[in-house]
Protein backbone atom coordinates (compact mmCIF):
# COMPACT_ATOMS: atom_id res chain seq x y z
CA MET A 1 -15.30 -3.01 -17.67
CA GLN A 2 -14.72 -3.27 -21.41
CA GLY A 3 -12.39 -0.28 -21.36
CA PHE A 4 -10.29 -1.81 -18.59
CA TYR A 5 -9.83 -5.09 -20.41
CA GLN A 6 -9.01 -3.35 -23.68
CA THR A 7 -6.29 -1.43 -21.84
CA LEU A 8 -5.02 -4.62 -20.21
CA PHE A 9 -4.93 -6.67 -23.40
CA GLY A 10 -3.53 -3.76 -25.42
CA ARG A 11 -0.58 -3.15 -23.09
CA ARG A 12 2.76 -3.63 -24.82
CA ASP A 13 6.42 -3.52 -23.85
CA VAL A 14 7.68 -0.74 -26.14
CA ARG A 15 11.32 -0.77 -27.21
CA SER A 16 11.12 1.31 -30.40
CA ASP A 17 8.81 3.62 -32.32
CA PHE A 18 8.95 6.37 -29.67
CA THR A 19 8.15 9.82 -31.02
CA SER A 20 9.78 13.05 -29.85
CA VAL A 21 6.45 14.44 -28.62
CA PRO A 22 6.90 15.34 -24.93
CA VAL A 23 4.65 13.79 -22.32
CA PRO A 24 2.71 16.66 -20.66
CA ALA A 25 3.30 17.12 -16.93
CA ASP A 26 -0.36 16.49 -16.08
CA VAL A 27 -0.37 13.17 -18.00
CA LEU A 28 2.81 12.06 -16.25
CA ALA A 29 1.33 13.15 -12.92
CA ARG A 30 -1.77 11.00 -13.46
CA ILE A 31 0.41 8.00 -14.38
CA LEU A 32 2.56 8.41 -11.26
CA ILE A 33 -0.49 8.85 -9.03
CA ALA A 34 -1.93 5.62 -10.46
CA ALA A 35 1.36 3.85 -9.67
CA HIS A 36 1.30 5.24 -6.14
CA HIS A 37 -2.15 3.72 -5.58
CA ALA A 38 -0.89 0.16 -6.02
CA PRO A 39 -1.38 -2.29 -3.16
CA SER A 40 1.59 -2.51 -0.79
CA VAL A 41 2.47 -4.82 2.08
CA GLY A 42 1.55 -3.22 5.40
CA LEU A 43 0.65 -0.07 3.43
CA THR A 44 4.38 0.72 3.44
CA GLN A 45 4.41 2.16 -0.09
CA PRO A 46 8.09 1.23 -0.47
CA TRP A 47 8.53 2.76 -3.91
CA ASN A 48 10.21 5.92 -5.15
CA PHE A 49 10.16 7.29 -8.70
CA ILE A 50 13.34 8.92 -10.03
CA LEU A 51 12.70 10.99 -13.14
CA VAL A 52 15.76 11.01 -15.39
CA GLN A 53 16.18 14.41 -17.03
CA GLU A 54 19.92 14.77 -17.66
CA GLU A 55 21.13 13.43 -21.00
CA GLU A 56 24.43 12.45 -19.39
CA THR A 57 22.59 10.20 -16.95
CA LYS A 58 20.61 8.60 -19.77
CA ARG A 59 23.85 7.91 -21.63
CA LYS A 60 25.35 6.27 -18.56
CA VAL A 61 22.35 3.96 -18.32
CA HIS A 62 22.54 3.36 -22.07
CA ASP A 63 26.18 2.35 -21.74
CA ALA A 64 25.30 0.04 -18.84
CA PHE A 65 22.62 -1.58 -20.99
CA HIS A 66 25.03 -2.19 -23.86
CA ASP A 67 27.58 -3.83 -21.56
CA ALA A 68 24.91 -6.11 -20.09
CA ASN A 69 23.42 -6.82 -23.52
CA ARG A 70 26.76 -8.03 -24.87
CA GLU A 71 27.07 -10.37 -21.90
CA ALA A 72 23.49 -11.59 -22.36
CA ALA A 73 24.02 -12.38 -26.05
CA GLN A 74 26.86 -14.75 -25.15
CA GLN A 75 24.45 -16.87 -23.10
CA PHE A 76 22.52 -17.85 -26.21
CA THR A 77 23.89 -20.11 -28.91
CA GLY A 78 23.57 -20.59 -32.65
CA GLU A 79 20.57 -19.08 -34.40
CA ARG A 80 19.10 -17.97 -31.07
CA ARG A 81 22.11 -15.72 -30.48
CA GLN A 82 21.81 -14.19 -33.94
CA ARG A 83 18.12 -13.51 -33.46
CA TYR A 84 18.80 -12.02 -30.04
CA ARG A 85 21.30 -9.57 -31.51
CA GLN A 86 18.72 -8.40 -34.04
CA LEU A 87 16.22 -7.42 -31.34
CA LYS A 88 15.96 -3.83 -30.13
CA LEU A 89 15.57 -4.19 -26.39
CA GLU A 90 15.56 -0.60 -25.10
CA GLY A 91 14.55 2.95 -25.97
CA ILE A 92 16.65 4.83 -23.43
CA LEU A 93 17.84 7.65 -25.66
CA GLU A 94 14.71 7.84 -27.84
CA ALA A 95 12.03 7.94 -25.13
CA PRO A 96 11.11 11.43 -23.87
CA VAL A 97 10.84 10.15 -20.28
CA ASN A 98 13.13 7.76 -18.41
CA LEU A 99 12.09 6.65 -14.95
CA LEU A 100 13.72 4.49 -12.28
CA VAL A 101 11.36 2.80 -9.84
CA THR A 102 13.01 1.74 -6.60
CA CYS A 103 12.10 -0.14 -3.42
CA ASP A 104 13.18 1.12 0.00
CA ARG A 105 13.56 -2.10 1.98
CA GLU A 106 13.63 -0.26 5.32
CA ARG A 107 10.42 1.68 4.82
CA GLY A 108 7.99 0.77 7.56
CA GLY A 109 10.63 -0.16 10.10
CA ASN A 110 12.13 -3.43 11.28
CA VAL A 111 8.83 -5.31 11.58
CA VAL A 112 6.21 -4.78 8.87
CA LEU A 113 2.73 -6.27 8.83
CA GLY A 114 2.70 -8.90 6.06
CA ARG A 115 6.49 -9.21 5.78
CA THR A 116 7.11 -11.27 8.91
CA HIS A 117 7.23 -14.53 6.92
CA GLN A 118 7.65 -13.26 3.35
CA PRO A 119 10.21 -10.45 3.51
CA GLN A 120 10.23 -10.12 -0.29
CA MET A 121 6.68 -8.72 -0.26
CA ASP A 122 7.99 -5.16 -0.44
CA LEU A 123 9.63 -5.97 -3.78
CA TYR A 124 6.42 -7.57 -5.02
CA SER A 125 4.52 -4.46 -3.91
CA THR A 126 6.84 -2.28 -5.98
CA VAL A 127 6.22 -4.47 -9.02
CA CYS A 128 2.49 -3.91 -8.47
CA ALA A 129 3.20 -0.17 -8.69
CA VAL A 130 5.01 -0.75 -11.98
CA GLN A 131 2.01 -2.65 -13.35
CA ASN A 132 -0.35 0.13 -12.27
CA LEU A 133 1.91 2.62 -14.01
CA TRP A 134 2.03 0.53 -17.18
CA LEU A 135 -1.75 0.19 -17.43
CA ALA A 136 -2.34 3.86 -16.64
CA ALA A 137 0.18 4.84 -19.31
CA ARG A 138 -1.52 2.62 -21.88
CA SER A 139 -4.87 4.24 -21.09
CA GLU A 140 -3.19 7.59 -21.81
CA ASP A 141 -1.75 6.24 -25.12
CA VAL A 142 1.75 6.45 -23.64
CA GLY A 143 4.10 3.58 -24.38
CA VAL A 144 6.26 1.98 -21.68
CA GLY A 145 9.32 -0.23 -22.02
CA TRP A 146 10.99 -2.03 -19.10
CA VAL A 147 14.78 -2.20 -19.50
CA SER A 148 15.79 -5.23 -17.43
CA ILE A 149 19.06 -6.01 -19.23
CA VAL A 150 21.17 -3.81 -17.00
CA SER A 151 23.25 -4.45 -13.89
CA PRO A 152 21.51 -3.36 -10.66
CA ASP A 153 24.93 -2.42 -9.27
CA ARG A 154 25.51 -0.05 -12.20
CA LEU A 155 22.12 1.55 -11.54
CA ARG A 156 22.98 1.89 -7.86
CA ARG A 157 26.17 3.77 -8.71
CA ILE A 158 24.62 5.95 -11.43
CA PHE A 159 21.77 7.11 -9.18
CA ALA A 160 23.70 7.10 -5.86
CA LEU A 161 21.11 4.86 -4.22
CA PRO A 162 21.35 4.29 -0.46
CA ASP A 163 22.25 0.76 0.63
CA GLN A 164 18.70 -0.16 1.59
CA VAL A 165 17.20 1.00 -1.72
CA VAL A 166 16.89 -1.54 -4.54
CA PRO A 167 16.44 -0.60 -8.22
CA VAL A 168 13.39 -2.53 -9.42
CA ALA A 169 12.46 -1.16 -12.85
CA TYR A 170 14.13 1.18 -15.33
CA LEU A 171 11.34 2.38 -17.60
CA CYS A 172 11.21 4.29 -20.89
CA LEU A 173 7.99 6.27 -21.48
CA GLY A 174 6.67 8.23 -24.41
CA TYR A 175 4.14 8.50 -27.17
CA VAL A 176 4.67 5.98 -29.95
CA GLU A 177 4.02 5.69 -33.66
CA TYR A 178 1.65 2.79 -32.96
CA PHE A 179 1.02 -0.06 -30.54
CA ARG A 180 1.69 -3.50 -31.97
CA GLU A 181 -1.23 -5.90 -32.31
CA GLU A 182 0.85 -8.59 -30.60
CA PRO A 183 3.76 -8.43 -28.14
CA GLU A 184 6.92 -7.68 -30.12
CA LEU A 185 8.71 -10.88 -29.10
CA GLN A 186 5.73 -12.90 -30.25
CA ASP A 187 5.50 -10.90 -33.46
CA ARG A 188 9.17 -11.63 -34.14
CA GLY A 189 8.84 -15.33 -33.39
CA TRP A 190 10.94 -15.32 -30.21
CA ALA A 191 8.19 -16.80 -28.01
CA SER A 192 4.42 -17.16 -27.89
CA ARG A 193 1.78 -16.97 -25.19
CA ILE A 194 1.10 -20.23 -23.35
CA PRO A 195 -2.60 -21.21 -23.20
CA VAL A 196 -3.77 -20.25 -19.72
CA ALA A 197 -5.62 -23.55 -19.30
CA ASP A 198 -2.23 -25.31 -19.33
CA LEU A 199 -1.16 -23.23 -16.33
CA VAL A 200 -4.18 -23.76 -14.06
CA PHE A 201 -3.96 -26.68 -11.64
CA THR A 202 -6.47 -28.03 -9.14
CA ASP A 203 -5.60 -28.61 -5.47
CA ARG A 204 -1.96 -29.55 -6.07
CA TRP A 205 0.88 -28.97 -8.51
CA GLY A 206 0.46 -30.53 -11.93
CA GLU A 207 -3.04 -31.89 -11.43
CA GLN A 208 -6.12 -30.83 -13.37
CA SER A 209 -9.75 -31.88 -13.00
CA PRO A 210 -11.21 -32.15 -16.51
CA GLY A 211 -14.73 -32.08 -15.11
CA ASP A 212 -14.15 -28.77 -13.41
CA GLY A 213 -16.10 -26.03 -15.18
CA ILE A 214 -13.20 -23.60 -15.10
CA TYR A 215 -11.36 -25.51 -17.84
CA ASP A 216 -14.39 -25.43 -20.13
CA ALA A 217 -14.76 -21.71 -19.46
CA LEU A 218 -11.08 -21.04 -20.17
CA SER A 219 -11.41 -22.91 -23.45
CA ALA A 220 -14.57 -21.02 -24.41
CA TRP A 221 -12.99 -17.64 -23.61
CA HIS A 222 -9.50 -18.28 -25.00
CA ASP A 223 -9.94 -15.69 -27.77
CA TRP A 224 -11.45 -13.04 -25.52
CA PRO A 225 -8.38 -10.73 -25.72
CA ASP A 226 -8.67 -10.68 -29.53
CA ARG A 227 -12.39 -10.02 -29.33
CA CYS A 228 -11.88 -7.19 -26.82
CA LEU A 229 -9.29 -5.47 -28.97
CA ALA A 230 -11.33 -5.97 -32.14
CA SER A 231 -14.25 -4.11 -30.54
CA GLU A 232 -12.21 -0.96 -29.77
């Protein structure tokens, strides 16, 4: 149990500090198998994993990122825009492994158990696979970075995706110099973690029951991630 929580709390979104050390095939295989064992709606397993090996393809994705990143910077103003431009938000060319995780929205047929009223559950299932992959990679000391600042349409064209296949996550994987003690955006003052007790409601939106023991427990355990990591 302790090992699982240390992996969970030590997971980081890695954008820099990748080394050139290749990820062995057996390590990558274990990570992909872990991803494939994620829960999926109707057991459809809607994901595919596209390993990116050609440098030309990586450069196309890198160019797509830079175009999207310029557009994103314009949506911030003042000091926030300047700070945004100073952030390194991808490791496409540095990471030894690039991986596109997709969702086939037709897998399982026209009617899928669990999607009859929430058709987006296949996308959520694919995100569960990404989370499995991320935690498995961290347990293998492999860093993962999710590049979300990129146009899905550009990814569709670069990878010749069929119409029913949606790009969900473009990931950079590789061994790193070190894992940060805190998430990089928190370390750089961009944002900070919200206390979980502020996000837990009782019975209906926005209401909390102070006498409910869960709030006392959340307060008592608020520093548990730090304690877990300190005991590694």
